[in-house]
């Protein structure tokens, strides 16, 4: 997750299948020797409303520069798990914990196994495992696609959360148990950067870029 000289990682917001722009971001990061992590809704294995599959992300560029991703709710979980650059749920690395997935509130208007998947959120048992691991290791940084319940309420005035999400509820319990220094996610398509009870919550907008030093937790927004 780090290059040879620094703890700097370039984080990228939701891509939604816009792989031309994503490829450009990767090429620039590779030239600078900066690894990247994309925070879900890459669009992997996703079909458009017209039944047309999205193109594949630029695999060669991802491998060349150590560019990885977590899954969102607009990614096929099975396809993600087969991708070499995928960061699995509950992965721990250098005091950072990763958990993907979220709830699609518009799932009734999507096609199952094309633009919506029944396992888009972790199961209750998997989220219980996430809670247990989180409570044990007390990560300094959380990288997820979604936020805790009260945080989405505070930052986005409810919006999507009229439809209950077990992911948000589990994250809420986790945050109440331990407050990491930073929690970074996407999903909401709006930029936010706010400190709540000692945790700096950052939401990246679509294709927004943030360089974060994972040692000092200094943040620089590139766009």
Protein backbone atom coordinates (compact mmCIF):
# COMPACT_ATOMS: atom_id res chain seq x y z
CA UNK A 1 0.00 0.00 0.00
CA UNK A 2 3.00 2.27 0.04
CA UNK A 3 5.73 3.14 -2.37
CA UNK A 4 9.42 2.79 -1.55
CA UNK A 5 9.89 6.24 -0.07
CA UNK A 6 6.65 7.44 1.52
CA UNK A 7 3.34 6.35 3.00
CA UNK A 8 1.49 8.26 0.29
CA UNK A 9 -1.53 6.61 -1.30
CA UNK A 10 -3.81 8.21 -3.91
CA UNK A 11 -7.46 7.49 -3.21
CA UNK A 12 -10.04 7.65 -6.00
CA UNK A 13 -13.80 8.12 -5.70
CA UNK A 14 -16.50 6.10 -7.48
CA UNK A 15 -15.64 5.40 -11.13
CA UNK A 16 -19.01 4.09 -12.40
CA UNK A 17 -17.47 2.56 -15.51
CA UNK A 18 -15.75 5.78 -16.64
CA UNK A 19 -12.58 3.86 -17.33
CA UNK A 20 -11.06 6.38 -19.71
CA UNK A 21 -10.70 8.91 -16.94
CA UNK A 22 -9.68 6.22 -14.48
CA UNK A 23 -6.93 5.07 -16.84
CA UNK A 24 -5.59 8.62 -17.06
CA UNK A 25 -5.51 8.87 -13.26
CA UNK A 26 -3.61 5.59 -13.06
CA UNK A 27 -1.07 6.61 -15.69
CA UNK A 28 -0.34 9.84 -13.84
CA UNK A 29 -0.01 8.03 -10.51
CA UNK A 30 2.27 5.37 -11.97
CA UNK A 31 4.53 8.02 -13.48
CA UNK A 32 4.82 9.58 -10.01
CA UNK A 33 5.37 6.26 -8.27
CA UNK A 34 2.17 6.60 -6.22
CA UNK A 35 -0.07 3.56 -5.57
CA UNK A 36 -3.83 4.08 -5.69
CA UNK A 37 -6.90 2.66 -3.99
CA UNK A 38 -10.35 3.14 -5.48
CA UNK A 39 -13.19 3.17 -2.95
CA UNK A 40 -15.88 1.13 -4.72
CA UNK A 41 -18.46 1.40 -7.50
CA UNK A 42 -15.76 0.78 -10.06
CA UNK A 43 -18.42 -0.71 -12.32
CA UNK A 44 -16.83 -4.15 -12.58
CA UNK A 45 -19.25 -6.72 -14.04
CA UNK A 46 -21.97 -4.07 -14.27
CA UNK A 47 -24.54 -3.86 -17.06
CA UNK A 48 -26.11 -0.62 -18.24
CA UNK A 49 -29.93 -0.19 -18.06
CA UNK A 50 -29.96 -1.27 -21.72
CA UNK A 51 -28.36 -4.61 -20.89
CA UNK A 52 -24.95 -3.62 -22.27
CA UNK A 53 -21.96 -4.64 -20.11
CA UNK A 54 -19.50 -1.95 -19.10
CA UNK A 55 -16.02 -2.23 -20.52
CA UNK A 56 -13.40 -3.82 -18.30
CA UNK A 57 -11.15 -1.56 -16.23
CA UNK A 58 -7.59 -1.06 -17.54
CA UNK A 59 -6.08 -4.18 -15.97
CA UNK A 60 -2.54 -3.75 -17.30
CA UNK A 61 -2.35 -0.23 -15.91
CA UNK A 62 -3.71 -1.40 -12.56
CA UNK A 63 -1.08 -4.10 -12.22
CA UNK A 64 1.77 -1.93 -13.49
CA UNK A 65 1.46 0.69 -10.78
CA UNK A 66 -0.03 -1.16 -7.80
CA UNK A 67 -3.52 0.22 -8.27
CA UNK A 68 -6.22 -1.54 -6.26
CA UNK A 69 -9.88 -1.21 -5.34
CA UNK A 70 -12.58 -2.24 -2.91
CA UNK A 71 -16.06 -3.15 -4.09
CA UNK A 72 -19.14 -0.97 -3.94
CA UNK A 73 -22.78 -1.81 -4.54
CA UNK A 74 -22.41 -1.31 -8.30
CA UNK A 75 -19.77 -4.02 -8.65
CA UNK A 76 -20.36 -7.72 -9.21
CA UNK A 77 -18.96 -9.29 -6.01
CA UNK A 78 -18.00 -12.57 -7.70
CA UNK A 79 -16.11 -10.80 -10.50
CA UNK A 80 -14.37 -8.56 -7.97
CA UNK A 81 -13.13 -11.55 -6.02
CA UNK A 82 -11.46 -12.94 -9.16
CA UNK A 83 -9.61 -9.70 -9.87
CA UNK A 84 -5.96 -9.63 -8.80
CA UNK A 85 -6.18 -5.96 -7.73
CA UNK A 86 -9.22 -6.43 -5.50
CA UNK A 87 -8.84 -5.71 -1.78
CA UNK A 88 -11.02 -8.28 0.04
CA UNK A 89 -13.52 -7.33 2.72
CA UNK A 90 -12.05 -7.36 6.26
CA UNK A 91 -8.53 -7.00 4.89
CA UNK A 92 -6.02 -5.42 7.29
CA UNK A 93 -2.89 -3.62 6.20
CA UNK A 94 -0.64 -1.26 8.17
CA UNK A 95 -3.36 -0.38 10.71
CA UNK A 96 -5.90 0.18 7.93
CA UNK A 97 -9.06 -1.92 7.61
CA UNK A 98 -11.04 -2.37 4.39
CA UNK A 99 -14.74 -3.28 4.08
CA UNK A 100 -16.66 -3.01 0.81
CA UNK A 101 -20.31 -3.14 -0.14
CA UNK A 102 -23.38 -0.99 0.40
CA UNK A 103 -27.14 -0.97 -0.14
CA UNK A 104 -28.69 -0.01 -3.49
CA UNK A 105 -31.92 1.82 -2.66
CA UNK A 106 -32.96 1.68 -6.32
CA UNK A 107 -32.49 -2.09 -6.57
CA UNK A 108 -36.15 -2.59 -7.48
CA UNK A 109 -35.41 -0.82 -10.77
CA UNK A 110 -32.25 -2.79 -11.51
CA UNK A 111 -31.67 -6.23 -13.00
CA UNK A 112 -30.50 -8.95 -10.65
CA UNK A 113 -27.00 -10.24 -11.43
CA UNK A 114 -26.50 -7.47 -13.99
CA UNK A 115 -26.82 -4.17 -12.15
CA UNK A 116 -27.75 -5.41 -8.68
CA UNK A 117 -26.55 -8.37 -6.63
CA UNK A 118 -28.17 -9.96 -3.60
CA UNK A 119 -24.80 -10.06 -1.83
CA UNK A 120 -23.99 -6.40 -2.48
CA UNK A 121 -23.89 -6.04 1.31
CA UNK A 122 -22.04 -8.45 3.56
CA UNK A 123 -24.28 -10.89 5.39
CA UNK A 124 -25.19 -10.40 9.04
CA UNK A 125 -22.68 -13.07 10.04
CA UNK A 126 -19.95 -11.47 7.93
CA UNK A 127 -20.67 -8.07 9.44
CA UNK A 128 -20.53 -9.62 12.90
CA UNK A 129 -17.10 -10.96 11.99
CA UNK A 130 -16.14 -7.49 10.78
CA UNK A 131 -17.23 -6.01 14.09
CA UNK A 132 -15.24 -8.57 16.08
CA UNK A 133 -12.10 -7.97 14.03
CA UNK A 134 -12.52 -4.20 14.21
CA UNK A 135 -12.97 -4.31 18.00
CA UNK A 136 -9.89 -6.46 18.33
CA UNK A 137 -7.46 -4.50 16.13
CA UNK A 138 -8.91 -0.99 16.56
CA UNK A 139 -7.70 0.27 13.18
CA UNK A 140 -6.39 3.78 12.81
CA UNK A 141 -8.00 4.19 9.38
CA UNK A 142 -11.15 2.69 7.83
CA UNK A 143 -11.55 2.45 4.05
CA UNK A 144 -15.12 1.54 3.09
CA UNK A 145 -17.71 2.27 0.43
CA UNK A 146 -20.35 3.38 2.96
CA UNK A 147 -20.36 5.25 6.29
CA UNK A 148 -21.91 4.62 9.73
CA UNK A 149 -25.61 5.44 10.04
CA UNK A 150 -25.33 8.61 12.11
CA UNK A 151 -22.58 9.97 9.88
CA UNK A 152 -24.66 9.67 6.72
CA UNK A 153 -27.50 11.38 8.57
CA UNK A 154 -25.18 14.20 9.66
CA UNK A 155 -23.39 14.72 6.35
CA UNK A 156 -26.17 14.08 3.85
CA UNK A 157 -29.43 14.81 5.71
CA UNK A 158 -30.63 11.20 5.39
CA UNK A 159 -31.14 11.06 1.60
CA UNK A 160 -30.47 7.39 0.86
CA UNK A 161 -30.97 6.14 4.39
CA UNK A 162 -34.76 5.91 4.43
CA UNK A 163 -34.09 2.31 3.35
CA UNK A 164 -32.37 0.45 6.22
CA UNK A 165 -28.87 -0.82 5.51
CA UNK A 166 -27.24 -3.46 7.67
CA UNK A 167 -23.86 -2.15 6.49
CA UNK A 168 -24.51 1.32 7.89
CA UNK A 169 -25.91 -0.19 11.08
CA UNK A 170 -22.86 -2.43 11.55
CA UNK A 171 -20.51 0.47 10.86
CA UNK A 172 -22.41 2.52 13.41
CA UNK A 173 -21.84 -0.13 16.07
CA UNK A 174 -18.19 -0.35 15.10
CA UNK A 175 -17.67 3.40 15.30
CA UNK A 176 -19.37 3.53 18.70
CA UNK A 177 -16.99 0.83 19.92
CA UNK A 178 -13.82 2.52 18.58
CA UNK A 179 -13.33 5.84 16.81
CA UNK A 180 -10.56 5.64 14.23
CA UNK A 181 -8.61 8.74 13.32
CA UNK A 182 -9.88 8.68 9.73
CA UNK A 183 -12.78 7.05 7.85
CA UNK A 184 -12.76 7.34 4.06
CA UNK A 185 -15.55 6.27 1.70
CA UNK A 186 -17.41 7.12 -1.51
CA UNK A 187 -20.96 6.04 -2.46
CA UNK A 188 -22.65 9.41 -1.89
CA UNK A 189 -21.17 11.24 -4.90
CA UNK A 190 -20.61 14.39 -2.85
CA UNK A 191 -17.39 15.63 -1.30
CA UNK A 192 -17.35 15.98 2.47
CA UNK A 193 -14.46 16.40 4.91
CA UNK A 194 -15.59 16.77 8.51
CA UNK A 195 -14.37 15.83 11.99
CA UNK A 196 -16.96 14.17 14.22
CA UNK A 197 -16.01 13.15 17.74
CA UNK A 198 -12.35 12.73 16.85
CA UNK A 199 -12.80 10.89 13.54
CA UNK A 200 -12.10 12.70 10.28
CA UNK A 201 -14.73 11.49 7.82
CA UNK A 202 -13.92 12.01 4.16
CA UNK A 203 -16.36 11.28 1.36
CA UNK A 204 -14.92 11.39 -2.15
CA UNK A 205 -17.12 12.51 -5.02
CA UNK A 206 -17.13 10.61 -8.31
CA UNK A 207 -13.56 10.29 -9.61
CA UNK A 208 -12.33 12.75 -7.01
CA UNK A 209 -8.68 12.27 -6.07
CA UNK A 210 -7.11 12.62 -2.62
CA UNK A 211 -3.48 11.97 -1.73
CA UNK A 212 -3.22 10.76 1.85
CA UNK A 213 -0.07 10.07 3.83
CA UNK A 214 -1.12 7.09 5.91
CA UNK A 215 1.49 7.87 8.55
CA UNK A 216 0.72 11.55 9.19
CA UNK A 217 -2.84 11.39 7.77
CA UNK A 218 -2.21 14.61 5.87
CA UNK A 219 -4.62 15.01 2.94
CA UNK A 220 -4.17 16.85 -0.34
CA UNK A 221 -7.05 17.02 -2.84
CA UNK A 222 -6.00 16.99 -6.46
CA UNK A 223 -9.50 17.57 -7.80
